[in-house]
PDB file of N, CA and C in Angstrom:
ATOM      1  N   MET A   1       1.383  -9.512 -13.164  1.00  0.00           N
ATOM      2  CA  MET A   1       3.444  -9.025 -12.895  1.00  0.00           C
ATOM      3  C   MET A   1       3.444  -9.276 -11.956  1.00  0.00           C
ATOM      4  N   ARG A   2       4.894 -10.387 -11.638  1.00  0.00           N
ATOM      5  CA  ARG A   2       5.458 -11.447 -11.127  1.00  0.00           C
ATOM      6  C   ARG A   2       5.761 -10.403  -9.577  1.00  0.00           C
ATOM      7  N   LYS A   3       5.879 -11.562  -7.642  1.00  0.00           N
ATOM      8  CA  LYS A   3       6.218  -9.979  -7.415  1.00  0.00           C
ATOM      9  C   LYS A   3       7.582 -10.642  -6.140  1.00  0.00           C
ATOM     10  N   SER A   4       7.630 -10.179  -5.929  1.00  0.00           N
ATOM     11  CA  SER A   4       8.926 -10.671  -5.617  1.00  0.00           C
ATOM     12  C   SER A   4       8.576 -11.933  -4.333  1.00  0.00           C
ATOM     13  N   ARG A   5       9.316 -12.695  -4.517  1.00  0.00           N
ATOM     14  CA  ARG A   5       9.792 -13.396  -3.258  1.00  0.00           C
ATOM     15  C   ARG A   5       9.923 -13.695  -1.737  1.00  0.00           C
ATOM     16  N   PHE A   6      11.502 -12.002  -1.977  1.00  0.00           N
ATOM     17  CA  PHE A   6      11.487 -11.319  -0.678  1.00  0.00           C
ATOM     18  C   PHE A   6      10.679 -10.713  -0.022  1.00  0.00           C
ATOM     19  N   PHE A   7      10.711  -9.828  -1.067  1.00  0.00           N
ATOM     20  CA  PHE A   7       9.886  -8.830  -0.446  1.00  0.00           C
ATOM     21  C   PHE A   7       8.532  -8.811   0.111  1.00  0.00           C
ATOM     22  N   SER A   8       7.747 -10.184  -0.968  1.00  0.00           N
ATOM     23  CA  SER A   8       6.344 -10.863   0.022  1.00  0.00           C
ATOM     24  C   SER A   8       6.223 -11.472   1.529  1.00  0.00           C
ATOM     25  N   LEU A   9       7.645 -12.216   1.264  1.00  0.00           N
ATOM     26  CA  LEU A   9       7.998 -12.651   2.933  1.00  0.00           C
ATOM     27  C   LEU A   9       8.549 -11.803   3.767  1.00  0.00           C
ATOM     28  N   LEU A  10       9.144 -10.573   3.101  1.00  0.00           N
ATOM     29  CA  LEU A  10       9.291  -9.625   4.245  1.00  0.00           C
ATOM     30  C   LEU A  10       8.244  -8.148   4.848  1.00  0.00           C
ATOM     31  N   CYS A  11       6.566  -8.909   4.177  1.00  0.00           N
ATOM     32  CA  CYS A  11       5.198  -7.651   3.261  1.00  0.00           C
ATOM     33  C   CYS A  11       4.761  -8.886   4.568  1.00  0.00           C
ATOM     34  N   ALA A  12       4.867 -10.227   4.827  1.00  0.00           N
ATOM     35  CA  ALA A  12       4.137 -10.931   5.580  1.00  0.00           C
ATOM     36  C   ALA A  12       4.434 -11.133   7.210  1.00  0.00           C
ATOM     37  N   PHE A  13       4.910 -10.469   7.499  1.00  0.00           N
ATOM     38  CA  PHE A  13       5.702 -10.456   9.032  1.00  0.00           C
ATOM     39  C   PHE A  13       5.122  -9.670   9.333  1.00  0.00           C
ATOM     40  N   TRP A  14       4.405  -8.618   8.815  1.00  0.00           N
ATOM     41  CA  TRP A  14       3.068  -7.516   9.079  1.00  0.00           C
ATOM     42  C   TRP A  14       2.403  -7.782   8.907  1.00  0.00           C
ATOM     43  N   PRO A  15       0.935  -8.177   9.589  1.00  0.00           N
ATOM     44  CA  PRO A  15      -0.628  -8.559   9.478  1.00  0.00           C
ATOM     45  C   PRO A  15      -1.433  -8.100   8.346  1.00  0.00           C
ATOM     46  N   GLY A  16      -1.692  -8.443   7.860  1.00  0.00           N
ATOM     47  CA  GLY A  16      -1.992  -7.875   6.413  1.00  0.00           C
ATOM     48  C   GLY A  16      -1.266  -7.168   5.789  1.00  0.00           C
ATOM     49  N   ALA A  17      -0.102  -6.613   5.445  1.00  0.00           N
ATOM     50  CA  ALA A  17       0.525  -6.483   4.756  1.00  0.00           C
ATOM     51  C   ALA A  17       0.955  -7.713   2.978  1.00  0.00           C
ATOM     52  N   GLY A  18       1.057  -9.194   3.659  1.00  0.00           N
ATOM     53  CA  GLY A  18       1.147  -8.850   2.788  1.00  0.00           C
ATOM     54  C   GLY A  18       0.478  -9.682   1.733  1.00  0.00           C
ATOM     55  N   GLU A  19      -0.547  -9.527   1.769  1.00  0.00           N
ATOM     56  CA  GLU A  19      -1.737 -10.517   0.643  1.00  0.00           C
ATOM     57  C   GLU A  19      -2.311  -8.939   0.559  1.00  0.00           C
ATOM     58  N   MET A  20      -2.062  -7.795   1.313  1.00  0.00           N
ATOM     59  CA  MET A  20      -1.317  -6.158   0.413  1.00  0.00           C
ATOM     60  C   MET A  20      -0.961  -6.579  -0.799  1.00  0.00           C
ATOM     61  N   TYR A  21      -0.161  -6.512  -0.322  1.00  0.00           N
ATOM     62  CA  TYR A  21       1.108  -6.990  -1.999  1.00  0.00           C
ATOM     63  C   TYR A  21       0.576  -7.995  -2.952  1.00  0.00           C
ATOM     64  N   LEU A  22       0.402  -8.558  -2.678  1.00  0.00           N
ATOM     65  CA  LEU A  22       0.246  -9.740  -3.108  1.00  0.00           C
ATOM     66  C   LEU A  22      -1.062  -9.340  -4.603  1.00  0.00           C
ATOM     67  N   GLY A  23      -1.912  -7.968  -3.566  1.00  0.00           N
ATOM     68  CA  GLY A  23      -2.656  -7.859  -4.705  1.00  0.00           C
ATOM     69  C   GLY A  23      -4.901  -8.183  -4.114  1.00  0.00           C
ATOM     70  N   LEU A  24      -4.730  -8.815  -2.887  1.00  0.00           N
ATOM     71  CA  LEU A  24      -5.590  -9.062  -2.171  1.00  0.00           C
ATOM     72  C   LEU A  24      -5.947  -8.215  -1.588  1.00  0.00           C
ATOM     73  N   MET A  25      -6.314  -6.435  -2.082  1.00  0.00           N
ATOM     74  CA  MET A  25      -6.459  -5.533  -0.526  1.00  0.00           C
ATOM     75  C   MET A  25      -8.026  -5.501   0.503  1.00  0.00           C
ATOM     76  N   LYS A  26      -8.691  -6.544  -0.161  1.00  0.00           N
ATOM     77  CA  LYS A  26      -9.670  -7.101   0.756  1.00  0.00           C
ATOM     78  C   LYS A  26      -9.865  -7.363   2.240  1.00  0.00           C
ATOM     79  N   ARG A  27      -9.383  -9.064   1.685  1.00  0.00           N
ATOM     80  CA  ARG A  27      -8.686  -9.377   2.678  1.00  0.00           C
ATOM     81  C   ARG A  27      -7.602  -8.838   3.984  1.00  0.00           C
ATOM     82  N   GLY A  28      -6.420  -8.202   2.881  1.00  0.00           N
ATOM     83  CA  GLY A  28      -5.459  -7.700   3.856  1.00  0.00           C
ATOM     84  C   GLY A  28      -5.804  -7.106   4.698  1.00  0.00           C
ATOM     85  N   VAL A  29      -6.859  -5.923   4.351  1.00  0.00           N
ATOM     86  CA  VAL A  29      -7.214  -4.854   4.865  1.00  0.00           C
ATOM     87  C   VAL A  29      -8.368  -5.406   6.060  1.00  0.00           C
ATOM     88  N   ALA A  30      -8.472  -6.185   5.861  1.00  0.00           N
ATOM     89  CA  ALA A  30      -9.491  -7.067   7.001  1.00  0.00           C
ATOM     90  C   ALA A  30      -8.448  -7.203   8.584  1.00  0.00           C
ATOM     91  N   ILE A  31      -7.489  -8.173   7.856  1.00  0.00           N
ATOM     92  CA  ILE A  31      -6.488  -8.319   8.491  1.00  0.00           C
ATOM     93  C   ILE A  31      -5.755  -7.127   9.552  1.00  0.00           C
ATOM     94  N   MET A  32      -5.610  -6.359   8.795  1.00  0.00           N
ATOM     95  CA  MET A  32      -4.641  -5.982   9.593  1.00  0.00           C
ATOM     96  C   MET A  32      -6.026  -4.323  10.686  1.00  0.00           C
ATOM     97  N   VAL A  33      -7.501  -4.851  10.217  1.00  0.00           N
ATOM     98  CA  VAL A  33      -8.104  -4.657  10.544  1.00  0.00           C
ATOM     99  C   VAL A  33      -8.518  -5.025  12.220  1.00  0.00           C
ATOM    100  N   ALA A  34      -8.095  -6.682  11.713  1.00  0.00           N
ATOM    101  CA  ALA A  34      -8.813  -6.991  13.302  1.00  0.00           C
ATOM    102  C   ALA A  34      -7.972  -7.243  13.799  1.00  0.00           C
ATOM    103  N   PHE A  35      -6.509  -7.132  13.426  1.00  0.00           N
ATOM    104  CA  PHE A  35      -5.294  -6.726  14.535  1.00  0.00           C
ATOM    105  C   PHE A  35      -4.663  -6.511  15.313  1.00  0.00           C
ATOM    106  N   TRP A  36      -5.205  -5.216  14.399  1.00  0.00           N
ATOM    107  CA  TRP A  36      -5.217  -3.272  14.728  1.00  0.00           C
ATOM    108  C   TRP A  36      -6.392  -3.042  15.918  1.00  0.00           C
ATOM    109  N   GLY A  37      -7.668  -3.615  15.600  1.00  0.00           N
ATOM    110  CA  GLY A  37      -8.987  -3.721  16.106  1.00  0.00           C
ATOM    111  C   GLY A  37      -9.037  -4.629  17.631  1.00  0.00           C
ATOM    112  N   VAL A  38      -8.336  -5.288  17.616  1.00  0.00           N
ATOM    113  CA  VAL A  38      -8.292  -6.563  19.101  1.00  0.00           C
ATOM    114  C   VAL A  38      -7.278  -5.971  20.150  1.00  0.00           C
ATOM    115  N   ILE A  39      -5.485  -5.068  19.344  1.00  0.00           N
ATOM    116  CA  ILE A  39      -4.786  -4.328  19.932  1.00  0.00           C
ATOM    117  C   ILE A  39      -5.921  -3.054  20.721  1.00  0.00           C
ATOM    118  N   ALA A  40      -6.047  -2.137  20.043  1.00  0.00           N
ATOM    119  CA  ALA A  40      -7.071  -1.198  20.566  1.00  0.00           C
ATOM    120  C   ALA A  40      -8.293  -1.838  21.626  1.00  0.00           C
ATOM    121  N   LEU A  41      -8.815  -2.271  21.355  1.00  0.00           N
ATOM    122  CA  LEU A  41      -9.660  -2.948  22.667  1.00  0.00           C
ATOM    123  C   LEU A  41      -8.569  -4.217  23.685  1.00  0.00           C
ATOM    124  N   ILE A  42      -8.342  -4.024  23.586  1.00  0.00           N
ATOM    125  CA  ILE A  42      -7.039  -4.190  25.097  1.00  0.00           C
ATOM    126  C   ILE A  42      -6.701  -3.987  25.496  1.00  0.00           C
ATOM    127  N   MET A  43      -6.248  -2.222  25.493  1.00  0.00           N
ATOM    128  CA  MET A  43      -5.332  -0.430  25.917  1.00  0.00           C
ATOM    129  C   MET A  43      -6.513  -0.632  25.726  1.00  0.00           C
ATOM    130  N   ALA A  44      -8.518  -0.467  25.299  1.00  0.00           N
ATOM    131  CA  ALA A  44      -9.286   0.411  25.626  1.00  0.00           C
ATOM    132  C   ALA A  44     -10.182   0.026  26.616  1.00  0.00           C
ATOM    133  N   PHE A  45     -10.029  -1.370  26.427  1.00  0.00           N
ATOM    134  CA  PHE A  45     -11.322  -2.115  27.950  1.00  0.00           C
ATOM    135  C   PHE A  45     -10.319  -3.165  29.200  1.00  0.00           C
ATOM    136  N   GLN A  46      -8.519  -2.775  28.291  1.00  0.00           N
ATOM    137  CA  GLN A  46      -7.680  -3.776  29.857  1.00  0.00           C
ATOM    138  C   GLN A  46      -7.888  -5.542  30.366  1.00  0.00           C
ATOM    139  N   VAL A  47      -8.669  -5.630  28.653  1.00  0.00           N
ATOM    140  CA  VAL A  47      -8.920  -7.570  28.687  1.00  0.00           C
ATOM    141  C   VAL A  47      -8.018  -7.631  28.353  1.00  0.00           C
ATOM    142  N   ASP A  48      -7.091  -8.076  29.163  1.00  0.00           N
ATOM    143  CA  ASP A  48      -5.772  -8.817  28.454  1.00  0.00           C
ATOM    144  C   ASP A  48      -5.860 -10.477  28.123  1.00  0.00           C
ATOM    145  N   LEU A  49      -7.304 -10.815  28.734  1.00  0.00           N
ATOM    146  CA  LEU A  49      -7.977 -12.782  27.702  1.00  0.00           C
ATOM    147  C   LEU A  49      -7.728 -12.492  26.413  1.00  0.00           C
ATOM    148  N   LEU A  50      -7.952 -11.651  25.475  1.00  0.00           N
ATOM    149  CA  LEU A  50      -7.746 -10.580  24.091  1.00  0.00           C
ATOM    150  C   LEU A  50      -6.920 -11.379  23.229  1.00  0.00           C
ATOM    151  N   LEU A  51      -5.843 -11.199  24.419  1.00  0.00           N
ATOM    152  CA  LEU A  51      -4.717 -11.503  23.767  1.00  0.00           C
ATOM    153  C   LEU A  51      -3.548 -12.551  22.955  1.00  0.00           C
ATOM    154  N   PHE A  52      -4.510 -13.669  23.395  1.00  0.00           N
ATOM    155  CA  PHE A  52      -4.011 -15.008  22.950  1.00  0.00           C
ATOM    156  C   PHE A  52      -4.683 -15.299  21.385  1.00  0.00           C
ATOM    157  N   ILE A  53      -5.362 -13.345  21.114  1.00  0.00           N
ATOM    158  CA  ILE A  53      -5.625 -13.783  19.990  1.00  0.00           C
ATOM    159  C   ILE A  53      -4.578 -13.171  18.847  1.00  0.00           C
ATOM    160  N   LEU A  54      -3.994 -12.436  19.691  1.00  0.00           N
ATOM    161  CA  LEU A  54      -3.315 -11.796  18.354  1.00  0.00           C
ATOM    162  C   LEU A  54      -2.389 -12.280  17.528  1.00  0.00           C
ATOM    163  N   PRO A  55      -1.162 -13.680  18.144  1.00  0.00           N
ATOM    164  CA  PRO A  55      -0.604 -15.215  17.217  1.00  0.00           C
ATOM    165  C   PRO A  55      -1.255 -15.122  16.557  1.00  0.00           C
ATOM    166  N   VAL A  56      -2.675 -15.744  16.482  1.00  0.00           N
ATOM    167  CA  VAL A  56      -2.977 -15.980  15.634  1.00  0.00           C
ATOM    168  C   VAL A  56      -3.497 -15.623  15.272  1.00  0.00           C
ATOM    169  N   LEU A  57      -4.530 -13.924  15.149  1.00  0.00           N
ATOM    170  CA  LEU A  57      -4.157 -13.548  13.875  1.00  0.00           C
ATOM    171  C   LEU A  57      -3.188 -13.687  12.802  1.00  0.00           C
ATOM    172  N   TRP A  58      -1.721 -13.378  13.371  1.00  0.00           N
ATOM    173  CA  TRP A  58      -0.332 -13.385  13.680  1.00  0.00           C
ATOM    174  C   TRP A  58       0.264 -14.108  12.506  1.00  0.00           C
ATOM    175  N   PHE A  59      -0.220 -15.788  12.848  1.00  0.00           N
ATOM    176  CA  PHE A  59       0.261 -16.842  12.644  1.00  0.00           C
ATOM    177  C   PHE A  59      -0.550 -17.557  11.077  1.00  0.00           C
ATOM    178  N   TYR A  60      -1.961 -16.635  10.876  1.00  0.00           N
ATOM    179  CA  TYR A  60      -2.933 -16.810   9.903  1.00  0.00           C
ATOM    180  C   TYR A  60      -2.477 -15.896   9.134  1.00  0.00           C
ATOM    181  N   SER A  61      -2.106 -15.227   9.769  1.00  0.00           N
ATOM    182  CA  SER A  61      -1.903 -13.426   8.280  1.00  0.00           C
ATOM    183  C   SER A  61      -0.400 -14.158   7.581  1.00  0.00           C
ATOM    184  N   PHE A  62       0.576 -14.619   8.444  1.00  0.00           N
ATOM    185  CA  PHE A  62       2.547 -15.086   8.226  1.00  0.00           C
ATOM    186  C   PHE A  62       1.666 -16.147   6.736  1.00  0.00           C
ATOM    187  N   PHE A  63       1.366 -16.919   7.337  1.00  0.00           N
ATOM    188  CA  PHE A  63       1.185 -18.203   6.560  1.00  0.00           C
ATOM    189  C   PHE A  63       0.439 -17.714   4.556  1.00  0.00           C
ATOM    190  N   ASP A  64      -0.596 -16.913   5.046  1.00  0.00           N
ATOM    191  CA  ASP A  64      -1.871 -17.049   4.453  1.00  0.00           C
ATOM    192  C   ASP A  64      -0.872 -16.342   3.207  1.00  0.00           C
ATOM    193  N   THR A  65      -0.260 -15.419   3.835  1.00  0.00           N
ATOM    194  CA  THR A  65       0.940 -14.868   2.729  1.00  0.00           C
ATOM    195  C   THR A  65       1.915 -15.305   2.101  1.00  0.00           C
ATOM    196  N   LEU A  66       2.321 -16.416   2.814  1.00  0.00           N
ATOM    197  CA  LEU A  66       3.273 -18.188   2.209  1.00  0.00           C
ATOM    198  C   LEU A  66       2.658 -18.684   1.549  1.00  0.00           C
ATOM    199  N   THR A  67       1.018 -18.924   1.476  1.00  0.00           N
ATOM    200  CA  THR A  67       0.407 -20.208   0.743  1.00  0.00           C
ATOM    201  C   THR A  67       0.009 -19.554  -0.467  1.00  0.00           C
ATOM    202  N   LEU A  68      -0.155 -17.944  -0.670  1.00  0.00           N
ATOM    203  CA  LEU A  68      -0.715 -17.366  -1.404  1.00  0.00           C
ATOM    204  C   LEU A  68       0.240 -17.591  -2.294  1.00  0.00           C
ATOM    205  N   ARG A  69       1.807 -17.018  -2.204  1.00  0.00           N
ATOM    206  CA  ARG A  69       2.794 -16.226  -2.351  1.00  0.00           C
ATOM    207  C   ARG A  69       2.855 -17.669  -3.443  1.00  0.00           C
ATOM    208  N   ASN A  70       2.923 -18.638  -3.061  1.00  0.00           N
ATOM    209  CA  ASN A  70       3.327 -20.599  -4.057  1.00  0.00           C
ATOM    210  C   ASN A  70       2.806 -20.572  -5.056  1.00  0.00           C
ATOM    211  N   LEU A  71       1.442 -20.323  -4.740  1.00  0.00           N
ATOM    212  CA  LEU A  71       0.177 -20.229  -5.365  1.00  0.00           C
ATOM    213  C   LEU A  71       1.030 -19.786  -7.336  1.00  0.00           C
ATOM    214  N   ASP A  72       0.553 -20.946  -8.719  1.00  0.00           N
ATOM    215  CA  ASP A  72       1.219 -19.902  -9.713  1.00  0.00           C
ATOM    216  C   ASP A  72       0.219 -19.331  -9.973  1.00  0.00           C
ATOM    217  N   TYR A  73       0.689 -18.545 -11.016  1.00  0.00           N
ATOM    218  CA  TYR A  73       0.109 -17.094 -11.576  1.00  0.00           C
ATOM    219  C   TYR A  73      -0.794 -16.683 -10.882  1.00  0.00           C
ATOM    220  N   ASN A  74      -1.672 -18.345 -12.440  1.00  0.00           N
ATOM    221  CA  ASN A  74      -3.129 -17.488 -12.684  1.00  0.00           C
ATOM    222  C   ASN A  74      -3.964 -17.391 -11.665  1.00  0.00           C
ATOM    223  N   ALA A  75      -3.539 -18.443 -10.801  1.00  0.00           N
ATOM    224  CA  ALA A  75      -4.838 -19.081  -9.636  1.00  0.00           C
ATOM    225  C   ALA A  75      -4.633 -17.901  -9.710  1.00  0.00           C
ATOM    226  N   LEU A  76      -3.300 -17.068  -8.479  1.00  0.00           N
ATOM    227  CA  LEU A  76      -3.466 -15.870  -7.896  1.00  0.00           C
ATOM    228  C   LEU A  76      -3.990 -14.807  -8.655  1.00  0.00           C
ATOM    229  N   VAL A  77      -4.220 -14.282 -10.196  1.00  0.00           N
ATOM    230  CA  VAL A  77      -4.885 -13.575 -11.022  1.00  0.00           C
ATOM    231  C   VAL A  77      -6.219 -14.223 -10.343  1.00  0.00           C
ATOM    232  N   GLU A  78      -6.938 -14.973 -10.355  1.00  0.00           N
ATOM    233  CA  GLU A  78      -8.508 -15.532 -10.138  1.00  0.00           C
ATOM    234  C   GLU A  78      -8.749 -15.220  -8.814  1.00  0.00           C
ATOM    235  N   LEU A  79      -7.664 -15.604  -7.734  1.00  0.00           N
ATOM    236  CA  LEU A  79      -8.116 -14.856  -6.818  1.00  0.00           C
ATOM    237  C   LEU A  79      -8.296 -13.598  -6.385  1.00  0.00           C
ATOM    238  N   GLN A  80      -7.391 -12.224  -6.867  1.00  0.00           N
ATOM    239  CA  GLN A  80      -7.433 -11.072  -7.266  1.00  0.00           C
ATOM    240  C   GLN A  80      -7.987 -11.205  -7.970  1.00  0.00           C
ATOM    241  N   GLU A  81      -9.252 -11.290  -8.759  1.00  0.00           N
ATOM    242  CA  GLU A  81     -10.470 -11.090  -9.050  1.00  0.00           C
ATOM    243  C   GLU A  81     -11.560 -11.320  -8.065  1.00  0.00           C
ATOM    244  N   GLN A  82     -11.551 -12.613  -6.978  1.00  0.00           N
ATOM    245  CA  GLN A  82     -11.822 -12.605  -6.382  1.00  0.00           C
ATOM    246  C   GLN A  82     -12.157 -12.069  -5.116  1.00  0.00           C
ATOM    247  N   ASP A  83     -11.635 -11.521  -4.809  1.00  0.00           N
ATOM    248  CA  ASP A  83     -10.820 -10.892  -3.705  1.00  0.00           C
ATOM    249  C   ASP A  83     -12.443 -10.920  -2.641  1.00  0.00           C
ATOM    250  N   GLU A  84     -11.942 -11.109  -1.256  1.00  0.00           N
ATOM    251  CA  GLU A  84     -13.203 -11.200   0.087  1.00  0.00           C
ATOM    252  C   GLU A  84     -12.369 -11.036   1.268  1.00  0.00           C
ATOM    253  N   PHE A  85     -12.668  -9.921   1.458  1.00  0.00           N
ATOM    254  CA  PHE A  85     -12.870  -9.732   3.045  1.00  0.00           C
ATOM    255  C   PHE A  85     -12.394 -11.502   3.794  1.00  0.00           C
ATOM    256  N   PHE A  86     -11.726 -12.095   4.375  1.00  0.00           N
ATOM    257  CA  PHE A  86     -11.197 -13.242   4.845  1.00  0.00           C
ATOM    258  C   PHE A  86     -11.997 -13.258   6.458  1.00  0.00           C
ATOM    259  N   PHE A  87     -12.674 -13.061   6.716  1.00  0.00           N
ATOM    260  CA  PHE A  87     -14.022 -13.396   7.592  1.00  0.00           C
ATOM    261  C   PHE A  87     -15.185 -14.279   7.521  1.00  0.00           C
ATOM    262  N   GLN A  88     -15.117 -13.878   5.493  1.00  0.00           N
ATOM    263  CA  GLN A  88     -15.713 -14.181   4.759  1.00  0.00           C
ATOM    264  C   GLN A  88     -15.876 -15.463   4.216  1.00  0.00           C
ATOM    265  N   ASP A  89     -14.909 -16.881   4.652  1.00  0.00           N
ATOM    266  CA  ASP A  89     -14.558 -17.780   4.932  1.00  0.00           C
ATOM    267  C   ASP A  89     -15.441 -19.087   5.806  1.00  0.00           C
ATOM    268  N   PHE A  90     -15.475 -17.545   6.732  1.00  0.00           N
ATOM    269  CA  PHE A  90     -15.555 -18.412   8.428  1.00  0.00           C
ATOM    270  C   PHE A  90     -17.556 -18.581   8.219  1.00  0.00           C
ATOM    271  N   LEU A  91     -17.192 -17.761   7.758  1.00  0.00           N
ATOM    272  CA  LEU A  91     -19.014 -16.696   7.952  1.00  0.00           C
ATOM    273  C   LEU A  91     -20.236 -17.543   7.037  1.00  0.00           C
ATOM    274  N   GLY A  92     -19.459 -17.652   5.801  1.00  0.00           N
ATOM    275  CA  GLY A  92     -20.064 -18.633   4.669  1.00  0.00           C
ATOM    276  C   GLY A  92     -20.851 -18.095   4.367  1.00  0.00           C
ATOM    277  N   GLU A  93     -20.902 -16.284   4.213  1.00  0.00           N
ATOM    278  CA  GLU A  93     -20.853 -15.256   3.597  1.00  0.00           C
ATOM    279  C   GLU A  93     -20.558 -14.793   1.750  1.00  0.00           C
ATOM    280  N   LYS A  94     -21.270 -15.692   0.528  1.00  0.00           N
ATOM    281  CA  LYS A  94     -20.585 -14.936  -0.106  1.00  0.00           C
ATOM    282  C   LYS A  94     -22.033 -14.342  -1.155  1.00  0.00           C
ATOM    283  N   GLN A  95     -21.277 -13.002  -2.626  1.00  0.00           N
ATOM    284  CA  GLN A  95     -21.673 -11.932  -2.815  1.00  0.00           C
ATOM    285  C   GLN A  95     -22.175 -12.218  -3.882  1.00  0.00           C
TER     286      GLN A  95
END
């Protein structure tokens, strides 16, 4: 099923929601947990140095959603079948 370009753009403004809307639940949840986890750490431990991570996560999520939305349908379906947490790309872990 094709996804709305306008609604995927709106979802892209909320970290993780755009990926979840496009069917990549693990990736979306991982981004959302990372974003809100950083906010919780900042509030709990008053570590303002972590504030620089928030825009990085937000921009990653925003542009990842837009990039995923511009994939053709078959490529998106293939990614949905391989849905992985976004940090697995950085750690090199494959199941």
